[in-house]
Amino acid sequence: MQKLLCLMIAAVLLTLGVPGVLGQNCIFETNDDESLRLSLKSFHDVMAALIHGPAEKGDFSQVGAKADELAKLRTAIMSASLPAKLAGRCADISAKATELSKAVDNLAAQGKAKSDDKTMKAALDAVHVAYRNLNSSLTTLDDLLDAFHTVLHPLWHNAYPKKDTAAIKEAIPKLKVRARLIVATADGADKAKLPGAQKLLESVTTLEEAAAAKDDLAILESLRIAHDNYESLAEGKH
């Protein structure tokens, strides 16, 4: 009886459109295809051409002219499928996609109204920020760990055994940027892994300091520590 009552209440809430019931905050269907990645890329290509082309030169007339094209590309994003690995974060991704959609609608409206350059710039900037927020929400901590590993792996298996500190020094900026992204993502999406992520960043910072000091022995030891910290974080030991 109690289970039946709960189901009846859920059905009523669903009918009334109460947010959060039965995944209503998720606007995407799940399917492991390339539709979302490709639609985001198409949107980015047009947006970037505007930002780094006419808008950068102060010419916003073409921004308004391209707004309708961005609106069509936005529609493709909103109707794309979400990869299964992101299903658990669908509500957050959907919210960011909705913000992008609103920003594109505003840009299109300003373009039709032939608004002044200052207004058009603000509208385009809002689209850019919304796109970045959506794109960032699609990146998982595992993705970032994999990206860190692509830099670390050749260092650990080639440069470290050969004591090739020049190769290690060259890779430090990439390791630092990726470690920072890992910390930022863990802070927002997986607090349990934040201590391990911070420890990884600290070890890369130490590696950077060793390189600045031109201390080859410290560079090799710092890389070993960074590798151990990465392994612990990737294996879930934090």
C-alpha atoms as a PDB file:
ATOM      1  CA  MET A   1       0.000   0.000   0.000  1.00  0.00           C
ATOM      2  CA  GLN A   2       2.790   2.417   0.930  1.00  0.00           C
ATOM      3  CA  LYS A   3       4.680   1.687  -2.295  1.00  0.00           C
ATOM      4  CA  LEU A   4       1.506   2.235  -4.319  1.00  0.00           C
ATOM      5  CA  LEU A   5       0.911   5.561  -2.542  1.00  0.00           C
ATOM      6  CA  CYS A   6       4.481   6.712  -3.341  1.00  0.00           C
ATOM      7  CA  LEU A   7       4.002   5.840  -7.000  1.00  0.00           C
ATOM      8  CA  MET A   8       0.720   7.746  -7.109  1.00  0.00           C
ATOM      9  CA  ILE A   9       2.346  10.818  -5.547  1.00  0.00           C
ATOM     10  CA  ALA A  10       5.233  10.662  -8.017  1.00  0.00           C
ATOM     11  CA  ALA A  11       2.757  10.435 -10.903  1.00  0.00           C
ATOM     12  CA  VAL A  12       0.881  13.504  -9.658  1.00  0.00           C
ATOM     13  CA  LEU A  13       4.109  15.481  -9.230  1.00  0.00           C
ATOM     14  CA  LEU A  14       5.202  14.475 -12.714  1.00  0.00           C
ATOM     15  CA  THR A  15       1.883  15.679 -14.121  1.00  0.00           C
ATOM     16  CA  LEU A  16       2.280  18.997 -12.301  1.00  0.00           C
ATOM     17  CA  GLY A  17       5.789  19.384 -13.675  1.00  0.00           C
ATOM     18  CA  VAL A  18       7.608  19.526 -10.375  1.00  0.00           C
ATOM     19  CA  PRO A  19      11.410  19.864 -11.077  1.00  0.00           C
ATOM     20  CA  GLY A  20      13.652  16.955 -10.235  1.00  0.00           C
ATOM     21  CA  VAL A  21      10.986  14.263 -10.461  1.00  0.00           C
ATOM     22  CA  LEU A  22      11.967  11.200 -12.504  1.00  0.00           C
ATOM     23  CA  GLY A  23      14.901  13.016 -14.069  1.00  0.00           C
ATOM     24  CA  GLN A  24      12.937  15.948 -15.521  1.00  0.00           C
ATOM     25  CA  ASN A  25      16.006  18.173 -15.149  1.00  0.00           C
ATOM     26  CA  CYS A  26      17.725  16.079 -17.806  1.00  0.00           C
ATOM     27  CA  ILE A  27      16.942  17.235 -21.336  1.00  0.00           C
ATOM     28  CA  PHE A  28      19.211  14.763 -23.137  1.00  0.00           C
ATOM     29  CA  GLU A  29      18.691  11.171 -24.158  1.00  0.00           C
ATOM     30  CA  THR A  30      21.605   8.813 -23.528  1.00  0.00           C
ATOM     31  CA  ASN A  31      23.390   7.271 -26.481  1.00  0.00           C
ATOM     32  CA  ASP A  32      27.079   6.636 -27.095  1.00  0.00           C
ATOM     33  CA  ASP A  33      27.320   8.326 -30.458  1.00  0.00           C
ATOM     34  CA  GLU A  34      29.295  11.358 -31.650  1.00  0.00           C
ATOM     35  CA  SER A  35      26.356  13.743 -31.984  1.00  0.00           C
ATOM     36  CA  LEU A  36      27.152  15.968 -28.998  1.00  0.00           C
ATOM     37  CA  ARG A  37      30.871  16.198 -29.695  1.00  0.00           C
ATOM     38  CA  LEU A  38      30.320  16.995 -33.362  1.00  0.00           C
ATOM     39  CA  SER A  39      27.574  19.556 -32.719  1.00  0.00           C
ATOM     40  CA  LEU A  40      29.721  21.321 -30.122  1.00  0.00           C
ATOM     41  CA  LYS A  41      32.649  21.398 -32.536  1.00  0.00           C
ATOM     42  CA  SER A  42      30.508  22.879 -35.312  1.00  0.00           C
ATOM     43  CA  PHE A  43      29.207  25.538 -32.926  1.00  0.00           C
ATOM     44  CA  HIS A  44      32.719  26.324 -31.691  1.00  0.00           C
ATOM     45  CA  ASP A  45      34.099  26.672 -35.220  1.00  0.00           C
ATOM     46  CA  VAL A  46      31.579  29.386 -36.123  1.00  0.00           C
ATOM     47  CA  MET A  47      31.780  31.121 -32.739  1.00  0.00           C
ATOM     48  CA  ALA A  48      35.603  31.147 -32.731  1.00  0.00           C
ATOM     49  CA  ALA A  49      35.712  32.537 -36.272  1.00  0.00           C
ATOM     50  CA  LEU A  50      33.570  35.457 -35.093  1.00  0.00           C
ATOM     51  CA  ILE A  51      35.477  36.077 -31.861  1.00  0.00           C
ATOM     52  CA  HIS A  52      38.936  35.896 -33.415  1.00  0.00           C
ATOM     53  CA  GLY A  53      37.872  37.493 -36.687  1.00  0.00           C
ATOM     54  CA  PRO A  54      35.524  40.468 -37.077  1.00  0.00           C
ATOM     55  CA  ALA A  55      34.719  40.883 -33.375  1.00  0.00           C
ATOM     56  CA  GLU A  56      38.418  41.094 -32.501  1.00  0.00           C
ATOM     57  CA  LYS A  57      38.716  43.906 -35.036  1.00  0.00           C
ATOM     58  CA  GLY A  58      35.694  45.722 -33.613  1.00  0.00           C
ATOM     59  CA  ASP A  59      33.359  44.796 -36.482  1.00  0.00           C
ATOM     60  CA  PHE A  60      30.144  43.434 -34.960  1.00  0.00           C
ATOM     61  CA  SER A  61      27.973  43.665 -38.076  1.00  0.00           C
ATOM     62  CA  GLN A  62      28.923  40.116 -39.059  1.00  0.00           C
ATOM     63  CA  VAL A  63      28.186  38.871 -35.545  1.00  0.00           C
ATOM     64  CA  GLY A  64      24.527  39.755 -35.975  1.00  0.00           C
ATOM     65  CA  ALA A  65      24.499  38.209 -39.430  1.00  0.00           C
ATOM     66  CA  LYS A  66      25.911  34.940 -38.068  1.00  0.00           C
ATOM     67  CA  ALA A  67      23.535  34.766 -35.099  1.00  0.00           C
ATOM     68  CA  ASP A  68      20.942  32.723 -36.989  1.00  0.00           C
ATOM     69  CA  GLU A  69      23.604  30.181 -37.971  1.00  0.00           C
ATOM     70  CA  LEU A  70      24.648  29.874 -34.328  1.00  0.00           C
ATOM     71  CA  ALA A  71      20.993  29.394 -33.401  1.00  0.00           C
ATOM     72  CA  LYS A  72      20.703  26.444 -35.807  1.00  0.00           C
ATOM     73  CA  LEU A  73      23.913  24.923 -34.453  1.00  0.00           C
ATOM     74  CA  ARG A  74      22.588  25.427 -30.925  1.00  0.00           C
ATOM     75  CA  THR A  75      19.497  23.435 -31.837  1.00  0.00           C
ATOM     76  CA  ALA A  76      21.741  20.557 -32.920  1.00  0.00           C
ATOM     77  CA  ILE A  77      23.477  20.660 -29.527  1.00  0.00           C
ATOM     78  CA  MET A  78      20.189  20.599 -27.636  1.00  0.00           C
ATOM     79  CA  SER A  79      18.924  17.607 -29.640  1.00  0.00           C
ATOM     80  CA  ALA A  80      22.179  15.626 -29.415  1.00  0.00           C
ATOM     81  CA  SER A  81      22.685  12.524 -27.293  1.00  0.00           C
ATOM     82  CA  LEU A  82      24.617  12.401 -24.031  1.00  0.00           C
ATOM     83  CA  PRO A  83      27.283   9.673 -23.639  1.00  0.00           C
ATOM     84  CA  ALA A  84      26.352   7.096 -21.010  1.00  0.00           C
ATOM     85  CA  LYS A  85      29.375   7.966 -18.839  1.00  0.00           C
ATOM     86  CA  LEU A  86      27.885  11.453 -18.324  1.00  0.00           C
ATOM     87  CA  ALA A  87      24.329  10.332 -17.533  1.00  0.00           C
ATOM     88  CA  GLY A  88      24.794  10.901 -13.815  1.00  0.00           C
ATOM     89  CA  ARG A  89      25.607  14.567 -14.454  1.00  0.00           C
ATOM     90  CA  CYS A  90      22.833  15.145 -16.966  1.00  0.00           C
ATOM     91  CA  ALA A  91      20.985  17.711 -14.834  1.00  0.00           C
ATOM     92  CA  ASP A  92      24.053  19.958 -14.535  1.00  0.00           C
ATOM     93  CA  ILE A  93      24.932  19.553 -18.210  1.00  0.00           C
ATOM     94  CA  SER A  94      21.325  20.287 -19.172  1.00  0.00           C
ATOM     95  CA  ALA A  95      21.324  23.471 -17.082  1.00  0.00           C
ATOM     96  CA  LYS A  96      24.472  24.695 -18.813  1.00  0.00           C
ATOM     97  CA  ALA A  97      23.106  23.784 -22.241  1.00  0.00           C
ATOM     98  CA  THR A  98      19.965  25.778 -21.427  1.00  0.00           C
ATOM     99  CA  GLU A  99      22.104  28.784 -20.458  1.00  0.00           C
ATOM    100  CA  LEU A 100      23.888  28.540 -23.798  1.00  0.00           C
ATOM    101  CA  SER A 101      20.548  28.378 -25.588  1.00  0.00           C
ATOM    102  CA  LYS A 102      19.329  31.517 -23.810  1.00  0.00           C
ATOM    103  CA  ALA A 103      22.565  33.347 -24.603  1.00  0.00           C
ATOM    104  CA  VAL A 104      22.245  32.441 -28.299  1.00  0.00           C
ATOM    105  CA  ASP A 105      18.614  33.619 -28.344  1.00  0.00           C
ATOM    106  CA  ASN A 106      19.722  36.939 -26.854  1.00  0.00           C
ATOM    107  CA  LEU A 107      22.503  37.315 -29.416  1.00  0.00           C
ATOM    108  CA  ALA A 108      20.057  36.635 -32.239  1.00  0.00           C
ATOM    109  CA  ALA A 109      17.591  39.173 -30.792  1.00  0.00           C
ATOM    110  CA  GLN A 110      20.298  41.827 -30.509  1.00  0.00           C
ATOM    111  CA  GLY A 111      21.370  41.129 -34.059  1.00  0.00           C
ATOM    112  CA  LYS A 112      17.830  41.573 -35.412  1.00  0.00           C
ATOM    113  CA  ALA A 113      17.469  44.757 -33.384  1.00  0.00           C
ATOM    114  CA  LYS A 114      20.747  46.011 -34.894  1.00  0.00           C
ATOM    115  CA  SER A 115      22.023  46.839 -31.423  1.00  0.00           C
ATOM    116  CA  ASP A 116      25.150  48.901 -30.912  1.00  0.00           C
ATOM    117  CA  ASP A 117      28.619  47.351 -30.802  1.00  0.00           C
ATOM    118  CA  LYS A 118      28.845  47.411 -27.006  1.00  0.00           C
ATOM    119  CA  THR A 119      25.598  45.447 -26.670  1.00  0.00           C
ATOM    120  CA  MET A 120      26.596  42.986 -29.387  1.00  0.00           C
ATOM    121  CA  LYS A 121      29.980  42.425 -27.761  1.00  0.00           C
ATOM    122  CA  ALA A 122      28.343  41.697 -24.396  1.00  0.00           C
ATOM    123  CA  ALA A 123      25.909  39.266 -26.046  1.00  0.00           C
ATOM    124  CA  LEU A 124      28.701  37.450 -27.891  1.00  0.00           C
ATOM    125  CA  ASP A 125      30.814  37.295 -24.729  1.00  0.00           C
ATOM    126  CA  ALA A 126      27.860  35.718 -22.905  1.00  0.00           C
ATOM    127  CA  VAL A 127      27.590  33.046 -25.606  1.00  0.00           C
ATOM    128  CA  HIS A 128      31.312  32.361 -25.332  1.00  0.00           C
ATOM    129  CA  VAL A 129      31.182  31.980 -21.544  1.00  0.00           C
ATOM    130  CA  ALA A 130      28.098  29.747 -21.713  1.00  0.00           C
ATOM    131  CA  TYR A 131      29.775  27.548 -24.321  1.00  0.00           C
ATOM    132  CA  ARG A 132      32.909  27.178 -22.204  1.00  0.00           C
ATOM    133  CA  ASN A 133      30.820  26.301 -19.148  1.00  0.00           C
ATOM    134  CA  LEU A 134      28.938  23.637 -21.094  1.00  0.00           C
ATOM    135  CA  ASN A 135      32.097  22.212 -22.631  1.00  0.00           C
ATOM    136  CA  SER A 136      33.819  22.093 -19.226  1.00  0.00           C
ATOM    137  CA  SER A 137      30.871  20.250 -17.684  1.00  0.00           C
ATOM    138  CA  LEU A 138      31.391  17.423 -20.191  1.00  0.00           C
ATOM    139  CA  THR A 139      34.945  16.744 -19.038  1.00  0.00           C
ATOM    140  CA  THR A 140      35.177  14.107 -16.323  1.00  0.00           C
ATOM    141  CA  LEU A 141      37.931  13.655 -13.771  1.00  0.00           C
ATOM    142  CA  ASP A 142      38.870  10.400 -15.527  1.00  0.00           C
ATOM    143  CA  ASP A 143      39.280  12.309 -18.795  1.00  0.00           C
ATOM    144  CA  LEU A 144      41.680  14.733 -17.118  1.00  0.00           C
ATOM    145  CA  LEU A 145      43.624  11.931 -15.446  1.00  0.00           C
ATOM    146  CA  ASP A 146      44.002  10.261 -18.843  1.00  0.00           C
ATOM    147  CA  ALA A 147      45.224  13.558 -20.316  1.00  0.00           C
ATOM    148  CA  PHE A 148      47.778  13.905 -17.513  1.00  0.00           C
ATOM    149  CA  HIS A 149      48.912  10.333 -18.115  1.00  0.00           C
ATOM    150  CA  THR A 150      49.542  10.937 -21.813  1.00  0.00           C
ATOM    151  CA  VAL A 151      52.217  13.455 -20.793  1.00  0.00           C
ATOM    152  CA  LEU A 152      53.544  11.504 -17.815  1.00  0.00           C
ATOM    153  CA  HIS A 153      53.830   8.083 -19.473  1.00  0.00           C
ATOM    154  CA  PRO A 154      56.703   8.822 -21.908  1.00  0.00           C
ATOM    155  CA  LEU A 155      58.540  10.759 -19.218  1.00  0.00           C
ATOM    156  CA  TRP A 156      58.356   7.896 -16.750  1.00  0.00           C
ATOM    157  CA  HIS A 157      59.165   5.106 -19.215  1.00  0.00           C
ATOM    158  CA  ASN A 158      61.691   6.932 -21.423  1.00  0.00           C
ATOM    159  CA  ALA A 159      63.058  10.167 -19.978  1.00  0.00           C
ATOM    160  CA  TYR A 160      63.337   8.987 -16.359  1.00  0.00           C
ATOM    161  CA  PRO A 161      65.353   5.785 -17.038  1.00  0.00           C
ATOM    162  CA  LYS A 162      67.664   7.728 -19.374  1.00  0.00           C
ATOM    163  CA  LYS A 163      67.967  10.620 -16.878  1.00  0.00           C
ATOM    164  CA  ASP A 164      66.849  12.911 -19.702  1.00  0.00           C
ATOM    165  CA  THR A 165      66.045  15.954 -17.563  1.00  0.00           C
ATOM    166  CA  ALA A 166      65.765  18.203 -20.637  1.00  0.00           C
ATOM    167  CA  ALA A 167      62.731  16.232 -21.840  1.00  0.00           C
ATOM    168  CA  ILE A 168      61.221  16.352 -18.362  1.00  0.00           C
ATOM    169  CA  LYS A 169      61.701  20.134 -18.128  1.00  0.00           C
ATOM    170  CA  GLU A 170      60.004  20.625 -21.487  1.00  0.00           C
ATOM    171  CA  ALA A 171      56.892  18.732 -20.327  1.00  0.00           C
ATOM    172  CA  ILE A 172      56.479  20.478 -16.960  1.00  0.00           C
ATOM    173  CA  PRO A 173      54.152  23.297 -18.190  1.00  0.00           C
ATOM    174  CA  LYS A 174      51.698  20.713 -19.605  1.00  0.00           C
ATOM    175  CA  LEU A 175      51.831  18.674 -16.407  1.00  0.00           C
ATOM    176  CA  LYS A 176      51.172  21.823 -14.342  1.00  0.00           C
ATOM    177  CA  VAL A 177      48.164  22.922 -16.403  1.00  0.00           C
ATOM    178  CA  ARG A 178      46.620  19.454 -16.364  1.00  0.00           C
ATOM    179  CA  ALA A 179      47.231  19.006 -12.647  1.00  0.00           C
ATOM    180  CA  ARG A 180      45.452  22.308 -11.991  1.00  0.00           C
ATOM    181  CA  LEU A 181      42.483  21.175 -14.064  1.00  0.00           C
ATOM    182  CA  ILE A 182      42.368  17.928 -12.099  1.00  0.00           C
ATOM    183  CA  VAL A 183      42.235  19.893  -8.826  1.00  0.00           C
ATOM    184  CA  ALA A 184      39.511  22.220 -10.127  1.00  0.00           C
ATOM    185  CA  THR A 185      37.380  19.329 -11.379  1.00  0.00           C
ATOM    186  CA  ALA A 186      37.818  17.277  -8.216  1.00  0.00           C
ATOM    187  CA  ASP A 187      36.846  20.318  -6.162  1.00  0.00           C
ATOM    188  CA  GLY A 188      33.579  20.610  -8.049  1.00  0.00           C
ATOM    189  CA  ALA A 189      32.684  17.017  -8.894  1.00  0.00           C
ATOM    190  CA  ASP A 190      34.496  14.583  -6.589  1.00  0.00           C
ATOM    191  CA  LYS A 191      35.502  16.062  -3.219  1.00  0.00           C
ATOM    192  CA  ALA A 192      36.760  12.684  -2.010  1.00  0.00           C
ATOM    193  CA  LYS A 193      39.576  12.877  -4.553  1.00  0.00           C
ATOM    194  CA  LEU A 194      40.447  16.515  -3.886  1.00  0.00           C
ATOM    195  CA  PRO A 195      43.244  15.773  -1.343  1.00  0.00           C
ATOM    196  CA  GLY A 196      44.914  13.400  -3.800  1.00  0.00           C
ATOM    197  CA  ALA A 197      44.525  15.925  -6.622  1.00  0.00           C
ATOM    198  CA  GLN A 198      46.080  18.664  -4.502  1.00  0.00           C
ATOM    199  CA  LYS A 199      48.955  16.359  -3.591  1.00  0.00           C
ATOM    200  CA  LEU A 200      49.529  15.703  -7.297  1.00  0.00           C
ATOM    201  CA  LEU A 201      49.623  19.428  -8.051  1.00  0.00           C
ATOM    202  CA  GLU A 202      52.029  20.033  -5.168  1.00  0.00           C
ATOM    203  CA  SER A 203      54.412  17.388  -6.508  1.00  0.00           C
ATOM    204  CA  VAL A 204      54.332  18.940  -9.995  1.00  0.00           C
ATOM    205  CA  THR A 205      55.029  22.347  -8.428  1.00  0.00           C
ATOM    206  CA  THR A 206      58.025  20.826  -6.638  1.00  0.00           C
ATOM    207  CA  LEU A 207      59.164  19.382  -9.978  1.00  0.00           C
ATOM    208  CA  GLU A 208      58.864  22.850 -11.497  1.00  0.00           C
ATOM    209  CA  GLU A 209      60.970  24.336  -8.685  1.00  0.00           C
ATOM    210  CA  ALA A 210      63.633  21.665  -9.150  1.00  0.00           C
ATOM    211  CA  ALA A 211      63.807  22.493 -12.858  1.00  0.00           C
ATOM    212  CA  ALA A 212      64.152  26.208 -12.090  1.00  0.00           C
ATOM    213  CA  ALA A 213      67.019  25.387  -9.718  1.00  0.00           C
ATOM    214  CA  LYS A 214      68.675  23.266 -12.456  1.00  0.00           C
ATOM    215  CA  ASP A 215      68.973  20.419  -9.967  1.00  0.00           C
ATOM    216  CA  ASP A 216      68.923  17.269 -12.087  1.00  0.00           C
ATOM    217  CA  LEU A 217      68.837  14.904  -9.129  1.00  0.00           C
ATOM    218  CA  ALA A 218      65.865  16.766  -7.627  1.00  0.00           C
ATOM    219  CA  ILE A 219      64.124  16.770 -11.012  1.00  0.00           C
ATOM    220  CA  LEU A 220      64.295  12.993 -11.239  1.00  0.00           C
ATOM    221  CA  GLU A 221      63.191  12.483  -7.645  1.00  0.00           C
ATOM    222  CA  SER A 222      60.338  14.978  -8.043  1.00  0.00           C
ATOM    223  CA  LEU A 223      59.135  13.183 -11.161  1.00  0.00           C
ATOM    224  CA  ARG A 224      59.134   9.897  -9.252  1.00  0.00           C
ATOM    225  CA  ILE A 225      57.018  11.457  -6.507  1.00  0.00           C
ATOM    226  CA  ALA A 226      54.627  12.992  -9.060  1.00  0.00           C
ATOM    227  CA  HIS A 227      54.302   9.593 -10.727  1.00  0.00           C
ATOM    228  CA  ASP A 228      53.544   7.894  -7.396  1.00  0.00           C
ATOM    229  CA  ASN A 229      50.954  10.539  -6.543  1.00  0.00           C
ATOM    230  CA  TYR A 230      49.325  10.126  -9.949  1.00  0.00           C
ATOM    231  CA  GLU A 231      49.166   6.351  -9.525  1.00  0.00           C
ATOM    232  CA  SER A 232      47.565   6.690  -6.091  1.00  0.00           C
ATOM    233  CA  LEU A 233      44.952   9.135  -7.371  1.00  0.00           C
ATOM    234  CA  ALA A 234      44.173   7.144 -10.527  1.00  0.00           C
ATOM    235  CA  GLU A 235      43.807   3.926  -8.536  1.00  0.00           C
ATOM    236  CA  GLY A 236      41.437   5.587  -6.070  1.00  0.00           C
ATOM    237  CA  LYS A 237      43.800   5.598  -3.113  1.00  0.00           C
ATOM    238  CA  HIS A 238      43.713   9.395  -3.031  1.00  0.00           C
END
